[in-house]
């Protein structure tokens, strides 16, 4: 591998490590969330930069993590800076079914309107 390829593999590994730790998942648990299509050892190799994931693996991992996109993992898009609370909310939103997601969006919209419509104190 060239120096540039090694650097990219390491950056991909860092993003995977960051996303896994932010989700509070061990390598074993992340592997389980891919229905063990990706072994703990393979995920560790991605994290260490000794092996580079492809698009399919990035999709599996992004779905299992629930907080990032495949493009983020592959260093195609820049990270979105979300707080721990925002990541938790996103994780919970993604864990609900379609009806639950509709309710969350309705509630969030109503809350945003309430806050923006409050008169400014003089």
PDB file of N, CA and C in Angstrom:
ATOM      1  N   UNK A   1       0.838  -1.190   0.000  1.00  0.00           N
ATOM      2  CA  UNK A   1       0.000   0.000   0.000  1.00  0.00           C
ATOM      3  C   UNK A   1       0.879   1.248   0.000  1.00  0.00           C
ATOM      4  N   UNK A   2       0.373   2.255  -0.676  1.00  0.00           N
ATOM      5  CA  UNK A   2       1.095   3.529  -0.681  1.00  0.00           C
ATOM      6  C   UNK A   2       0.862   4.248   0.640  1.00  0.00           C
ATOM      7  N   UNK A   3       1.641   5.282   0.874  1.00  0.00           N
ATOM      8  CA  UNK A   3       1.479   6.070   2.101  1.00  0.00           C
ATOM      9  C   UNK A   3       0.080   6.681   2.174  1.00  0.00           C
ATOM     10  N   UNK A   4      -0.426   7.135   1.053  1.00  0.00           N
ATOM     11  CA  UNK A   4      -1.771   7.719   0.989  1.00  0.00           C
ATOM     12  C   UNK A   4      -2.844   6.679   1.328  1.00  0.00           C
ATOM     13  N   UNK A   5      -2.680   5.469   0.812  1.00  0.00           N
ATOM     14  CA  UNK A   5      -3.640   4.392   1.103  1.00  0.00           C
ATOM     15  C   UNK A   5      -3.597   4.002   2.578  1.00  0.00           C
ATOM     16  N   UNK A   6      -2.406   3.957   3.142  1.00  0.00           N
ATOM     17  CA  UNK A   6      -2.259   3.638   4.564  1.00  0.00           C
ATOM     18  C   UNK A   6      -2.926   4.720   5.408  1.00  0.00           C
ATOM     19  N   UNK A   7      -2.708   5.972   5.040  1.00  0.00           N
ATOM     20  CA  UNK A   7      -3.312   7.086   5.763  1.00  0.00           C
ATOM     21  C   UNK A   7      -4.837   7.010   5.718  1.00  0.00           C
ATOM     22  N   UNK A   8      -5.400   6.682   4.554  1.00  0.00           N
ATOM     23  CA  UNK A   8      -6.849   6.562   4.428  1.00  0.00           C
ATOM     24  C   UNK A   8      -7.367   5.391   5.249  1.00  0.00           C
ATOM     25  N   UNK A   9      -6.686   4.261   5.203  1.00  0.00           N
ATOM     26  CA  UNK A   9      -7.099   3.093   6.000  1.00  0.00           C
ATOM     27  C   UNK A   9      -7.106   3.429   7.483  1.00  0.00           C
ATOM     28  N   UNK A  10      -6.100   4.173   7.944  1.00  0.00           N
ATOM     29  CA  UNK A  10      -6.041   4.578   9.347  1.00  0.00           C
ATOM     30  C   UNK A  10      -7.173   5.537   9.694  1.00  0.00           C
ATOM     31  N   UNK A  11      -7.494   6.461   8.786  1.00  0.00           N
ATOM     32  CA  UNK A  11      -8.590   7.412   9.026  1.00  0.00           C
ATOM     33  C   UNK A  11      -9.924   6.674   9.094  1.00  0.00           C
ATOM     34  N   UNK A  12     -10.123   5.705   8.222  1.00  0.00           N
ATOM     35  CA  UNK A  12     -11.348   4.901   8.256  1.00  0.00           C
ATOM     36  C   UNK A  12     -11.427   4.152   9.585  1.00  0.00           C
ATOM     37  N   UNK A  13     -10.313   3.586  10.008  1.00  0.00           N
ATOM     38  CA  UNK A  13     -10.274   2.878  11.287  1.00  0.00           C
ATOM     39  C   UNK A  13     -10.604   3.779  12.464  1.00  0.00           C
ATOM     40  N   UNK A  14     -10.079   5.003  12.425  1.00  0.00           N
ATOM     41  CA  UNK A  14     -10.373   5.969  13.499  1.00  0.00           C
ATOM     42  C   UNK A  14     -11.855   6.314  13.542  1.00  0.00           C
ATOM     43  N   UNK A  15     -12.464   6.495  12.384  1.00  0.00           N
ATOM     44  CA  UNK A  15     -13.902   6.804  12.354  1.00  0.00           C
ATOM     45  C   UNK A  15     -14.724   5.640  12.884  1.00  0.00           C
ATOM     46  N   UNK A  16     -14.333   4.434  12.535  1.00  0.00           N
ATOM     47  CA  UNK A  16     -15.043   3.261  13.045  1.00  0.00           C
ATOM     48  C   UNK A  16     -14.911   3.181  14.563  1.00  0.00           C
ATOM     49  N   UNK A  17     -13.701   3.387  15.064  1.00  0.00           N
ATOM     50  CA  UNK A  17     -13.477   3.347  16.515  1.00  0.00           C
ATOM     51  C   UNK A  17     -14.324   4.408  17.213  1.00  0.00           C
ATOM     52  N   UNK A  18     -14.301   5.626  16.684  1.00  0.00           N
ATOM     53  CA  UNK A  18     -15.081   6.724  17.262  1.00  0.00           C
ATOM     54  C   UNK A  18     -16.574   6.374  17.294  1.00  0.00           C
ATOM     55  N   UNK A  19     -17.098   5.913  16.181  1.00  0.00           N
ATOM     56  CA  UNK A  19     -18.530   5.609  16.100  1.00  0.00           C
ATOM     57  C   UNK A  19     -18.901   4.447  17.020  1.00  0.00           C
ATOM     58  N   UNK A  20     -18.042   3.444  17.090  1.00  0.00           N
ATOM     59  CA  UNK A  20     -18.318   2.287  17.959  1.00  0.00           C
ATOM     60  C   UNK A  20     -18.305   2.696  19.423  1.00  0.00           C
ATOM     61  N   UNK A  21     -17.323   3.484  19.817  1.00  0.00           N
ATOM     62  CA  UNK A  21     -17.247   3.928  21.211  1.00  0.00           C
ATOM     63  C   UNK A  21     -18.396   4.870  21.549  1.00  0.00           C
ATOM     64  N   UNK A  22     -18.763   5.752  20.613  1.00  0.00           N
ATOM     65  CA  UNK A  22     -19.888   6.662  20.854  1.00  0.00           C
ATOM     66  C   UNK A  22     -21.193   5.892  21.018  1.00  0.00           C
ATOM     67  N   UNK A  23     -21.313   4.766  20.324  1.00  0.00           N
ATOM     68  CA  UNK A  23     -22.514   3.934  20.438  1.00  0.00           C
ATOM     69  C   UNK A  23     -22.454   3.029  21.670  1.00  0.00           C
ATOM     70  N   UNK A  24     -21.302   2.992  22.338  1.00  0.00           N
ATOM     71  CA  UNK A  24     -21.151   2.170  23.535  1.00  0.00           C
ATOM     72  C   UNK A  24     -21.137   0.677  23.235  1.00  0.00           C
ATOM     73  N   UNK A  25     -20.570   0.300  22.095  1.00  0.00           N
ATOM     74  CA  UNK A  25     -20.567  -1.103  21.685  1.00  0.00           C
ATOM     75  C   UNK A  25     -19.167  -1.703  21.742  1.00  0.00           C
ATOM     76  N   UNK A  26     -19.085  -2.921  22.201  1.00  0.00           N
ATOM     77  CA  UNK A  26     -17.832  -3.666  22.123  1.00  0.00           C
ATOM     78  C   UNK A  26     -17.698  -4.206  20.694  1.00  0.00           C
ATOM     79  N   UNK A  27     -16.520  -4.670  20.350  1.00  0.00           N
ATOM     80  CA  UNK A  27     -16.335  -5.290  19.035  1.00  0.00           C
ATOM     81  C   UNK A  27     -17.258  -6.494  18.880  1.00  0.00           C
ATOM     82  N   UNK A  28     -17.379  -7.287  19.932  1.00  0.00           N
ATOM     83  CA  UNK A  28     -18.245  -8.474  19.900  1.00  0.00           C
ATOM     84  C   UNK A  28     -19.699  -8.074  19.643  1.00  0.00           C
ATOM     85  N   UNK A  29     -20.175  -7.067  20.366  1.00  0.00           N
ATOM     86  CA  UNK A  29     -21.575  -6.630  20.211  1.00  0.00           C
ATOM     87  C   UNK A  29     -21.812  -6.053  18.819  1.00  0.00           C
ATOM     88  N   UNK A  30     -20.843  -5.305  18.295  1.00  0.00           N
ATOM     89  CA  UNK A  30     -20.982  -4.761  16.950  1.00  0.00           C
ATOM     90  C   UNK A  30     -21.048  -5.900  15.932  1.00  0.00           C
ATOM     91  N   UNK A  31     -20.218  -6.902  16.110  1.00  0.00           N
ATOM     92  CA  UNK A  31     -20.259  -8.072  15.235  1.00  0.00           C
ATOM     93  C   UNK A  31     -21.631  -8.738  15.296  1.00  0.00           C
ATOM     94  N   UNK A  32     -22.158  -8.887  16.497  1.00  0.00           N
ATOM     95  CA  UNK A  32     -23.489  -9.491  16.660  1.00  0.00           C
ATOM     96  C   UNK A  32     -24.554  -8.675  15.938  1.00  0.00           C
ATOM     97  N   UNK A  33     -24.407  -7.343  15.969  1.00  0.00           N
ATOM     98  CA  UNK A  33     -25.402  -6.473  15.320  1.00  0.00           C
ATOM     99  C   UNK A  33     -25.327  -6.537  13.794  1.00  0.00           C
ATOM    100  N   UNK A  34     -24.264  -7.117  13.263  1.00  0.00           N
ATOM    101  CA  UNK A  34     -24.196  -7.375  11.816  1.00  0.00           C
ATOM    102  C   UNK A  34     -24.645  -8.799  11.521  1.00  0.00           C
ATOM    103  N   UNK A  35     -25.305  -9.417  12.495  1.00  0.00           N
ATOM    104  CA  UNK A  35     -25.684 -10.835  12.406  1.00  0.00           C
ATOM    105  C   UNK A  35     -24.454 -11.703  12.163  1.00  0.00           C
ATOM    106  N   UNK A  36     -23.331 -11.237  12.702  1.00  0.00           N
ATOM    107  CA  UNK A  36     -22.029 -11.894  12.622  1.00  0.00           C
ATOM    108  C   UNK A  36     -21.561 -12.115  11.185  1.00  0.00           C
ATOM    109  N   UNK A  37     -22.088 -11.311  10.258  1.00  0.00           N
ATOM    110  CA  UNK A  37     -21.563 -11.329   8.890  1.00  0.00           C
ATOM    111  C   UNK A  37     -20.171 -10.722   8.871  1.00  0.00           C
ATOM    112  N   UNK A  38     -19.894  -9.852   9.851  1.00  0.00           N
ATOM    113  CA  UNK A  38     -18.541  -9.321  10.044  1.00  0.00           C
ATOM    114  C   UNK A  38     -18.069  -9.796  11.419  1.00  0.00           C
ATOM    115  N   UNK A  39     -16.989 -10.535  11.435  1.00  0.00           N
ATOM    116  CA  UNK A  39     -16.479 -11.076  12.697  1.00  0.00           C
ATOM    117  C   UNK A  39     -15.835  -9.968  13.527  1.00  0.00           C
ATOM    118  N   UNK A  40     -15.687 -10.270  14.806  1.00  0.00           N
ATOM    119  CA  UNK A  40     -14.993  -9.352  15.720  1.00  0.00           C
ATOM    120  C   UNK A  40     -13.581  -9.075  15.205  1.00  0.00           C
ATOM    121  N   UNK A  41     -12.912 -10.108  14.728  1.00  0.00           N
ATOM    122  CA  UNK A  41     -11.553  -9.983  14.215  1.00  0.00           C
ATOM    123  C   UNK A  41     -11.501  -9.081  12.975  1.00  0.00           C
ATOM    124  N   UNK A  42     -12.448  -9.244  12.068  1.00  0.00           N
ATOM    125  CA  UNK A  42     -12.457  -8.425  10.863  1.00  0.00           C
ATOM    126  C   UNK A  42     -12.701  -6.959  11.220  1.00  0.00           C
ATOM    127  N   UNK A  43     -13.662  -6.716  12.124  1.00  0.00           N
ATOM    128  CA  UNK A  43     -13.947  -5.337  12.543  1.00  0.00           C
ATOM    129  C   UNK A  43     -12.709  -4.732  13.209  1.00  0.00           C
ATOM    130  N   UNK A  44     -12.018  -5.524  14.009  1.00  0.00           N
ATOM    131  CA  UNK A  44     -10.784  -5.055  14.645  1.00  0.00           C
ATOM    132  C   UNK A  44      -9.744  -4.688  13.590  1.00  0.00           C
ATOM    133  N   UNK A  45      -9.623  -5.491  12.541  1.00  0.00           N
ATOM    134  CA  UNK A  45      -8.676  -5.184  11.457  1.00  0.00           C
ATOM    135  C   UNK A  45      -9.036  -3.874  10.769  1.00  0.00           C
ATOM    136  N   UNK A  46     -10.330  -3.611  10.583  1.00  0.00           N
ATOM    137  CA  UNK A  46     -10.752  -2.329  10.000  1.00  0.00           C
ATOM    138  C   UNK A  46     -10.341  -1.191  10.937  1.00  0.00           C
ATOM    139  N   UNK A  47     -10.598  -1.401  12.232  1.00  0.00           N
ATOM    140  CA  UNK A  47     -10.299  -0.365  13.225  1.00  0.00           C
ATOM    141  C   UNK A  47      -8.804  -0.063  13.275  1.00  0.00           C
ATOM    142  N   UNK A  48      -7.983  -1.073  13.129  1.00  0.00           N
ATOM    143  CA  UNK A  48      -6.524  -0.903  13.184  1.00  0.00           C
ATOM    144  C   UNK A  48      -5.930  -0.419  11.871  1.00  0.00           C
ATOM    145  N   UNK A  49      -6.747  -0.407  10.819  1.00  0.00           N
ATOM    146  CA  UNK A  49      -6.259   0.030   9.515  1.00  0.00           C
ATOM    147  C   UNK A  49      -5.475  -1.023   8.765  1.00  0.00           C
ATOM    148  N   UNK A  50      -5.467  -2.267   9.255  1.00  0.00           N
ATOM    149  CA  UNK A  50      -4.739  -3.333   8.571  1.00  0.00           C
ATOM    150  C   UNK A  50      -5.546  -3.941   7.434  1.00  0.00           C
ATOM    151  N   UNK A  51      -6.814  -3.655   7.423  1.00  0.00           N
ATOM    152  CA  UNK A  51      -7.705  -4.118   6.363  1.00  0.00           C
ATOM    153  C   UNK A  51      -8.687  -2.989   6.090  1.00  0.00           C
ATOM    154  N   UNK A  52      -9.064  -2.779   4.846  1.00  0.00           N
ATOM    155  CA  UNK A  52      -9.984  -1.690   4.519  1.00  0.00           C
ATOM    156  C   UNK A  52     -11.347  -2.263   4.135  1.00  0.00           C
ATOM    157  N   UNK A  53     -12.385  -1.724   4.760  1.00  0.00           N
ATOM    158  CA  UNK A  53     -13.740  -2.166   4.454  1.00  0.00           C
ATOM    159  C   UNK A  53     -14.181  -1.656   3.089  1.00  0.00           C
ATOM    160  N   UNK A  54     -15.069  -2.404   2.461  1.00  0.00           N
ATOM    161  CA  UNK A  54     -15.682  -1.986   1.210  1.00  0.00           C
ATOM    162  C   UNK A  54     -17.038  -1.348   1.478  1.00  0.00           C
ATOM    163  N   UNK A  55     -17.725  -1.023   0.418  1.00  0.00           N
ATOM    164  CA  UNK A  55     -19.028  -0.370   0.543  1.00  0.00           C
ATOM    165  C   UNK A  55     -20.022  -1.256   1.289  1.00  0.00           C
ATOM    166  N   UNK A  56     -20.064  -2.535   0.961  1.00  0.00           N
ATOM    167  CA  UNK A  56     -21.016  -3.437   1.620  1.00  0.00           C
ATOM    168  C   UNK A  56     -20.764  -3.513   3.120  1.00  0.00           C
ATOM    169  N   UNK A  57     -19.498  -3.617   3.487  1.00  0.00           N
ATOM    170  CA  UNK A  57     -19.158  -3.692   4.909  1.00  0.00           C
ATOM    171  C   UNK A  57     -19.478  -2.379   5.611  1.00  0.00           C
ATOM    172  N   UNK A  58     -19.224  -1.265   4.947  1.00  0.00           N
ATOM    173  CA  UNK A  58     -19.549   0.039   5.538  1.00  0.00           C
ATOM    174  C   UNK A  58     -21.053   0.164   5.758  1.00  0.00           C
ATOM    175  N   UNK A  59     -21.851  -0.329   4.835  1.00  0.00           N
ATOM    176  CA  UNK A  59     -23.319  -0.289   5.004  1.00  0.00           C
ATOM    177  C   UNK A  59     -23.750  -1.151   6.189  1.00  0.00           C
ATOM    178  N   UNK A  60     -23.180  -2.347   6.294  1.00  0.00           N
ATOM    179  CA  UNK A  60     -23.503  -3.228   7.428  1.00  0.00           C
ATOM    180  C   UNK A  60     -23.147  -2.558   8.750  1.00  0.00           C
ATOM    181  N   UNK A  61     -21.957  -1.995   8.819  1.00  0.00           N
ATOM    182  CA  UNK A  61     -21.500  -1.372  10.062  1.00  0.00           C
ATOM    183  C   UNK A  61     -22.303  -0.118  10.391  1.00  0.00           C
ATOM    184  N   UNK A  62     -22.595   0.704   9.397  1.00  0.00           N
ATOM    185  CA  UNK A  62     -23.382   1.919   9.644  1.00  0.00           C
ATOM    186  C   UNK A  62     -24.772   1.552  10.161  1.00  0.00           C
ATOM    187  N   UNK A  63     -25.378   0.538   9.583  1.00  0.00           N
ATOM    188  CA  UNK A  63     -26.692   0.086  10.052  1.00  0.00           C
ATOM    189  C   UNK A  63     -26.594  -0.445  11.478  1.00  0.00           C
ATOM    190  N   UNK A  64     -25.571  -1.225  11.752  1.00  0.00           N
ATOM    191  CA  UNK A  64     -25.387  -1.791  13.100  1.00  0.00           C
ATOM    192  C   UNK A  64     -25.119  -0.701  14.131  1.00  0.00           C
ATOM    193  N   UNK A  65     -24.369   0.319  13.744  1.00  0.00           N
ATOM    194  CA  UNK A  65     -24.057   1.416  14.661  1.00  0.00           C
ATOM    195  C   UNK A  65     -25.255   2.330  14.863  1.00  0.00           C
ATOM    196  N   UNK A  66     -25.990   2.597  13.801  1.00  0.00           N
ATOM    197  CA  UNK A  66     -27.194   3.407  13.886  1.00  0.00           C
ATOM    198  C   UNK A  66     -26.985   4.900  14.042  1.00  0.00           C
ATOM    199  N   UNK A  67     -25.753   5.368  14.017  1.00  0.00           N
ATOM    200  CA  UNK A  67     -25.500   6.801  14.241  1.00  0.00           C
ATOM    201  C   UNK A  67     -24.668   7.447  13.146  1.00  0.00           C
ATOM    202  N   UNK A  68     -24.179   6.655  12.201  1.00  0.00           N
ATOM    203  CA  UNK A  68     -23.337   7.183  11.132  1.00  0.00           C
ATOM    204  C   UNK A  68     -23.782   6.618   9.793  1.00  0.00           C
ATOM    205  N   UNK A  69     -23.274   7.216   8.735  1.00  0.00           N
ATOM    206  CA  UNK A  69     -23.559   6.728   7.392  1.00  0.00           C
ATOM    207  C   UNK A  69     -22.368   5.933   6.871  1.00  0.00           C
ATOM    208  N   UNK A  70     -22.605   5.100   5.859  1.00  0.00           N
ATOM    209  CA  UNK A  70     -21.466   4.418   5.234  1.00  0.00           C
ATOM    210  C   UNK A  70     -20.446   5.427   4.690  1.00  0.00           C
ATOM    211  N   UNK A  71     -20.933   6.534   4.136  1.00  0.00           N
ATOM    212  CA  UNK A  71     -20.032   7.554   3.587  1.00  0.00           C
ATOM    213  C   UNK A  71     -19.149   8.160   4.676  1.00  0.00           C
ATOM    214  N   UNK A  72     -19.691   8.326   5.882  1.00  0.00           N
ATOM    215  CA  UNK A  72     -18.875   8.821   6.994  1.00  0.00           C
ATOM    216  C   UNK A  72     -17.771   7.819   7.301  1.00  0.00           C
ATOM    217  N   UNK A  73     -18.128   6.544   7.427  1.00  0.00           N
ATOM    218  CA  UNK A  73     -17.128   5.523   7.767  1.00  0.00           C
ATOM    219  C   UNK A  73     -16.021   5.448   6.722  1.00  0.00           C
ATOM    220  N   UNK A  74     -16.360   5.635   5.461  1.00  0.00           N
ATOM    221  CA  UNK A  74     -15.385   5.528   4.385  1.00  0.00           C
ATOM    222  C   UNK A  74     -14.659   6.845   4.097  1.00  0.00           C
ATOM    223  N   UNK A  75     -14.865   7.859   4.954  1.00  0.00           N
ATOM    224  CA  UNK A  75     -14.214   9.167   4.815  1.00  0.00           C
ATOM    225  C   UNK A  75     -14.611   9.883   3.527  1.00  0.00           C
ATOM    226  N   UNK A  76     -15.834   9.644   3.075  1.00  0.00           N
ATOM    227  CA  UNK A  76     -16.347  10.328   1.889  1.00  0.00           C
ATOM    228  C   UNK A  76     -17.053  11.609   2.297  1.00  0.00           C
ATOM    229  N   UNK A  77     -17.667  11.599   3.483  1.00  0.00           N
ATOM    230  CA  UNK A  77     -18.307  12.814   3.978  1.00  0.00           C
ATOM    231  C   UNK A  77     -17.725  13.175   5.334  1.00  0.00           C
ATOM    232  N   UNK A  78     -17.774  14.454   5.646  1.00  0.00           N
ATOM    233  CA  UNK A  78     -17.241  14.954   6.908  1.00  0.00           C
ATOM    234  C   UNK A  78     -18.181  14.606   8.049  1.00  0.00           C
ATOM    235  N   UNK A  79     -17.632  14.501   9.247  1.00  0.00           N
ATOM    236  CA  UNK A  79     -18.477  14.181  10.398  1.00  0.00           C
ATOM    237  C   UNK A  79     -19.422  15.319  10.742  1.00  0.00           C
ATOM    238  N   UNK A  80     -20.548  14.916  11.272  1.00  0.00           N
ATOM    239  CA  UNK A  80     -21.499  15.876  11.818  1.00  0.00           C
ATOM    240  C   UNK A  80     -21.245  15.890  13.315  1.00  0.00           C
ATOM    241  N   UNK A  81     -21.024  17.061  13.867  1.00  0.00           N
ATOM    242  CA  UNK A  81     -20.726  17.156  15.290  1.00  0.00           C
ATOM    243  C   UNK A  81     -22.020  17.134  16.091  1.00  0.00           C
ATOM    244  N   UNK A  82     -22.339  15.983  16.637  1.00  0.00           N
ATOM    245  CA  UNK A  82     -23.521  15.818  17.466  1.00  0.00           C
ATOM    246  C   UNK A  82     -23.088  15.566  18.898  1.00  0.00           C
ATOM    247  N   UNK A  83     -23.868  16.098  19.827  1.00  0.00           N
ATOM    248  CA  UNK A  83     -23.591  15.858  21.240  1.00  0.00           C
ATOM    249  C   UNK A  83     -24.001  14.429  21.582  1.00  0.00           C
ATOM    250  N   UNK A  84     -23.623  13.985  22.749  1.00  0.00           N
ATOM    251  CA  UNK A  84     -24.010  12.644  23.213  1.00  0.00           C
ATOM    252  C   UNK A  84     -25.532  12.525  23.293  1.00  0.00           C
ATOM    253  N   UNK A  85     -26.203  13.595  23.748  1.00  0.00           N
ATOM    254  CA  UNK A  85     -27.668  13.572  23.817  1.00  0.00           C
ATOM    255  C   UNK A  85     -28.287  13.467  22.428  1.00  0.00           C
ATOM    256  N   UNK A  86     -27.715  14.197  21.462  1.00  0.00           N
ATOM    257  CA  UNK A  86     -28.239  14.140  20.095  1.00  0.00           C
ATOM    258  C   UNK A  86     -28.023  12.757  19.490  1.00  0.00           C
ATOM    259  N   UNK A  87     -26.861  12.163  19.732  1.00  0.00           N
ATOM    260  CA  UNK A  87     -26.606  10.811  19.248  1.00  0.00           C
ATOM    261  C   UNK A  87     -27.563   9.810  19.885  1.00  0.00           C
ATOM    262  N   UNK A  88     -27.827   9.993  21.180  1.00  0.00           N
ATOM    263  CA  UNK A  88     -28.754   9.111  21.875  1.00  0.00           C
ATOM    264  C   UNK A  88     -30.163   9.241  21.296  1.00  0.00           C
ATOM    265  N   UNK A  89     -30.593  10.468  21.043  1.00  0.00           N
ATOM    266  CA  UNK A  89     -31.904  10.696  20.446  1.00  0.00           C
ATOM    267  C   UNK A  89     -31.987  10.046  19.065  1.00  0.00           C
ATOM    268  N   UNK A  90     -30.957  10.202  18.266  1.00  0.00           N
ATOM    269  CA  UNK A  90     -30.920   9.586  16.945  1.00  0.00           C
ATOM    270  C   UNK A  90     -30.991   8.063  17.054  1.00  0.00           C
ATOM    271  N   UNK A  91     -30.241   7.492  17.981  1.00  0.00           N
ATOM    272  CA  UNK A  91     -30.236   6.045  18.189  1.00  0.00           C
ATOM    273  C   UNK A  91     -31.640   5.560  18.583  1.00  0.00           C
ATOM    274  N   UNK A  92     -32.288   6.288  19.486  1.00  0.00           N
ATOM    275  CA  UNK A  92     -33.635   5.911  19.919  1.00  0.00           C
ATOM    276  C   UNK A  92     -34.636   6.053  18.773  1.00  0.00           C
ATOM    277  N   UNK A  93     -34.515   7.127  17.999  1.00  0.00           N
ATOM    278  CA  UNK A  93     -35.397   7.341  16.856  1.00  0.00           C
ATOM    279  C   UNK A  93     -35.282   6.174  15.883  1.00  0.00           C
ATOM    280  N   UNK A  94     -34.057   5.796  15.572  1.00  0.00           N
ATOM    281  CA  UNK A  94     -33.841   4.705  14.617  1.00  0.00           C
ATOM    282  C   UNK A  94     -34.292   3.357  15.155  1.00  0.00           C
ATOM    283  N   UNK A  95     -34.388   3.233  16.461  1.00  0.00           N
ATOM    284  CA  UNK A  95     -34.817   1.966  17.068  1.00  0.00           C
ATOM    285  C   UNK A  95     -36.332   1.798  17.056  1.00  0.00           C
ATOM    286  N   UNK A  96     -37.072   2.877  16.785  1.00  0.00           N
ATOM    287  CA  UNK A  96     -38.530   2.772  16.770  1.00  0.00           C
ATOM    288  C   UNK A  96     -39.018   2.313  15.406  1.00  0.00           C
ATOM    289  N   UNK A  97     -40.287   1.910  15.367  1.00  0.00           N
ATOM    290  CA  UNK A  97     -40.883   1.545  14.084  1.00  0.00           C
ATOM    291  C   UNK A  97     -41.357   2.800  13.359  1.00  0.00           C
ATOM    292  N   UNK A  98     -41.953   2.643  12.186  1.00  0.00           N
ATOM    293  CA  UNK A  98     -42.376   3.782  11.362  1.00  0.00           C
ATOM    294  C   UNK A  98     -43.364   4.687  12.096  1.00  0.00           C
ATOM    295  N   UNK A  99     -44.315   4.100  12.822  1.00  0.00           N
ATOM    296  CA  UNK A  99     -45.285   4.915  13.558  1.00  0.00           C
ATOM    297  C   UNK A  99     -44.609   5.698  14.686  1.00  0.00           C
ATOM    298  N   UNK A 100     -43.684   5.071  15.362  1.00  0.00           N
ATOM    299  CA  UNK A 100     -42.947   5.757  16.422  1.00  0.00           C
ATOM    300  C   UNK A 100     -42.134   6.917  15.867  1.00  0.00           C
ATOM    301  N   UNK A 101     -41.529   6.730  14.693  1.00  0.00           N
ATOM    302  CA  UNK A 101     -40.747   7.797  14.074  1.00  0.00           C
ATOM    303  C   UNK A 101     -41.634   8.966  13.678  1.00  0.00           C
ATOM    304  N   UNK A 102     -42.840   8.678  13.213  1.00  0.00           N
ATOM    305  CA  UNK A 102     -43.787   9.752  12.885  1.00  0.00           C
ATOM    306  C   UNK A 102     -44.120  10.545  14.138  1.00  0.00           C
ATOM    307  N   UNK A 103     -44.362   9.860  15.237  1.00  0.00           N
ATOM    308  CA  UNK A 103     -44.691  10.532  16.498  1.00  0.00           C
ATOM    309  C   UNK A 103     -43.536  11.383  16.999  1.00  0.00           C
ATOM    310  N   UNK A 104     -42.333  10.867  16.881  1.00  0.00           N
ATOM    311  CA  UNK A 104     -41.157  11.634  17.314  1.00  0.00           C
ATOM    312  C   UNK A 104     -41.029  12.909  16.483  1.00  0.00           C
ATOM    313  N   UNK A 105     -41.204  12.798  15.159  1.00  0.00           N
ATOM    314  CA  UNK A 105     -41.107  13.986  14.297  1.00  0.00           C
ATOM    315  C   UNK A 105     -42.202  14.995  14.621  1.00  0.00           C
ATOM    316  N   UNK A 106     -43.413  14.508  14.891  1.00  0.00           N
ATOM    317  CA  UNK A 106     -44.508  15.422  15.258  1.00  0.00           C
ATOM    318  C   UNK A 106     -44.170  16.162  16.547  1.00  0.00           C
ATOM    319  N   UNK A 107     -43.707  15.417  17.533  1.00  0.00           N
ATOM    320  CA  UNK A 107     -43.388  16.009  18.833  1.00  0.00           C
ATOM    321  C   UNK A 107     -42.235  17.011  18.714  1.00  0.00           C
ATOM    322  N   UNK A 108     -41.208  16.642  17.946  1.00  0.00           N
ATOM    323  CA  UNK A 108     -40.071  17.540  17.762  1.00  0.00           C
ATOM    324  C   UNK A 108     -40.511  18.814  17.039  1.00  0.00           C
ATOM    325  N   UNK A 109     -41.367  18.670  16.034  1.00  0.00           N
ATOM    326  CA  UNK A 109     -41.872  19.840  15.309  1.00  0.00           C
ATOM    327  C   UNK A 109     -42.684  20.749  16.205  1.00  0.00           C
ATOM    328  N   UNK A 110     -43.560  20.151  17.032  1.00  0.00           N
ATOM    329  CA  UNK A 110     -44.382  20.944  17.956  1.00  0.00           C
ATOM    330  C   UNK A 110     -43.498  21.667  18.973  1.00  0.00           C
ATOM    331  N   UNK A 111     -42.476  20.993  19.463  1.00  0.00           N
ATOM    332  CA  UNK A 111     -41.579  21.606  20.446  1.00  0.00           C
ATOM    333  C   UNK A 111     -40.777  22.742  19.810  1.00  0.00           C
ATOM    334  N   UNK A 112     -40.311  22.557  18.591  1.00  0.00           N
ATOM    335  CA  UNK A 112     -39.555  23.610  17.905  1.00  0.00           C
ATOM    336  C   UNK A 112     -40.444  24.829  17.662  1.00  0.00           C
ATOM    337  N   UNK A 113     -41.692  24.599  17.283  1.00  0.00           N
ATOM    338  CA  UNK A 113     -42.610  25.724  17.081  1.00  0.00           C
ATOM    339  C   UNK A 113     -42.882  26.448  18.394  1.00  0.00           C
ATOM    340  N   UNK A 114     -43.042  25.705  19.485  1.00  0.00           N
ATOM    341  CA  UNK A 114     -43.294  26.309  20.784  1.00  0.00           C
ATOM    342  C   UNK A 114     -42.143  27.227  21.182  1.00  0.00           C
ATOM    343  N   UNK A 115     -40.933  26.760  20.977  1.00  0.00           N
ATOM    344  CA  UNK A 115     -39.754  27.532  21.372  1.00  0.00           C
ATOM    345  C   UNK A 115     -39.587  28.767  20.488  1.00  0.00           C
ATOM    346  N   UNK A 116     -39.778  28.613  19.199  1.00  0.00           N
ATOM    347  CA  UNK A 116     -39.569  29.755  18.294  1.00  0.00           C
ATOM    348  C   UNK A 116     -40.698  30.784  18.364  1.00  0.00           C
ATOM    349  N   UNK A 117     -41.852  30.377  18.861  1.00  0.00           N
ATOM    350  CA  UNK A 117     -42.991  31.297  18.931  1.00  0.00           C
ATOM    351  C   UNK A 117     -43.082  32.024  20.268  1.00  0.00           C
ATOM    352  N   UNK A 118     -42.203  31.692  21.194  1.00  0.00           N
ATOM    353  CA  UNK A 118     -42.225  32.370  22.499  1.00  0.00           C
ATOM    354  C   UNK A 118     -41.843  33.831  22.328  1.00  0.00           C
ATOM    355  N   UNK A 119     -42.585  34.738  22.965  1.00  0.00           N
ATOM    356  CA  UNK A 119     -42.209  36.156  22.870  1.00  0.00           C
ATOM    357  C   UNK A 119     -40.862  36.388  23.562  1.00  0.00           C
ATOM    358  N   UNK A 120     -40.103  37.301  23.011  1.00  0.00           N
ATOM    359  CA  UNK A 120     -38.797  37.654  23.564  1.00  0.00           C
ATOM    360  C   UNK A 120     -39.037  38.574  24.760  1.00  0.00           C
ATOM    361  N   UNK A 121     -38.428  38.246  25.897  1.00  0.00           N
ATOM    362  CA  UNK A 121     -38.568  39.070  27.102  1.00  0.00           C
ATOM    363  C   UNK A 121     -37.841  40.382  26.911  1.00  0.00           C
ATOM    364  N   UNK A 122     -38.505  41.444  27.300  1.00  0.00           N
ATOM    365  CA  UNK A 122     -37.910  42.780  27.135  1.00  0.00           C
ATOM    366  C   UNK A 122     -37.108  43.186  28.342  1.00  0.00           C
TER     367      UNK A 122
END
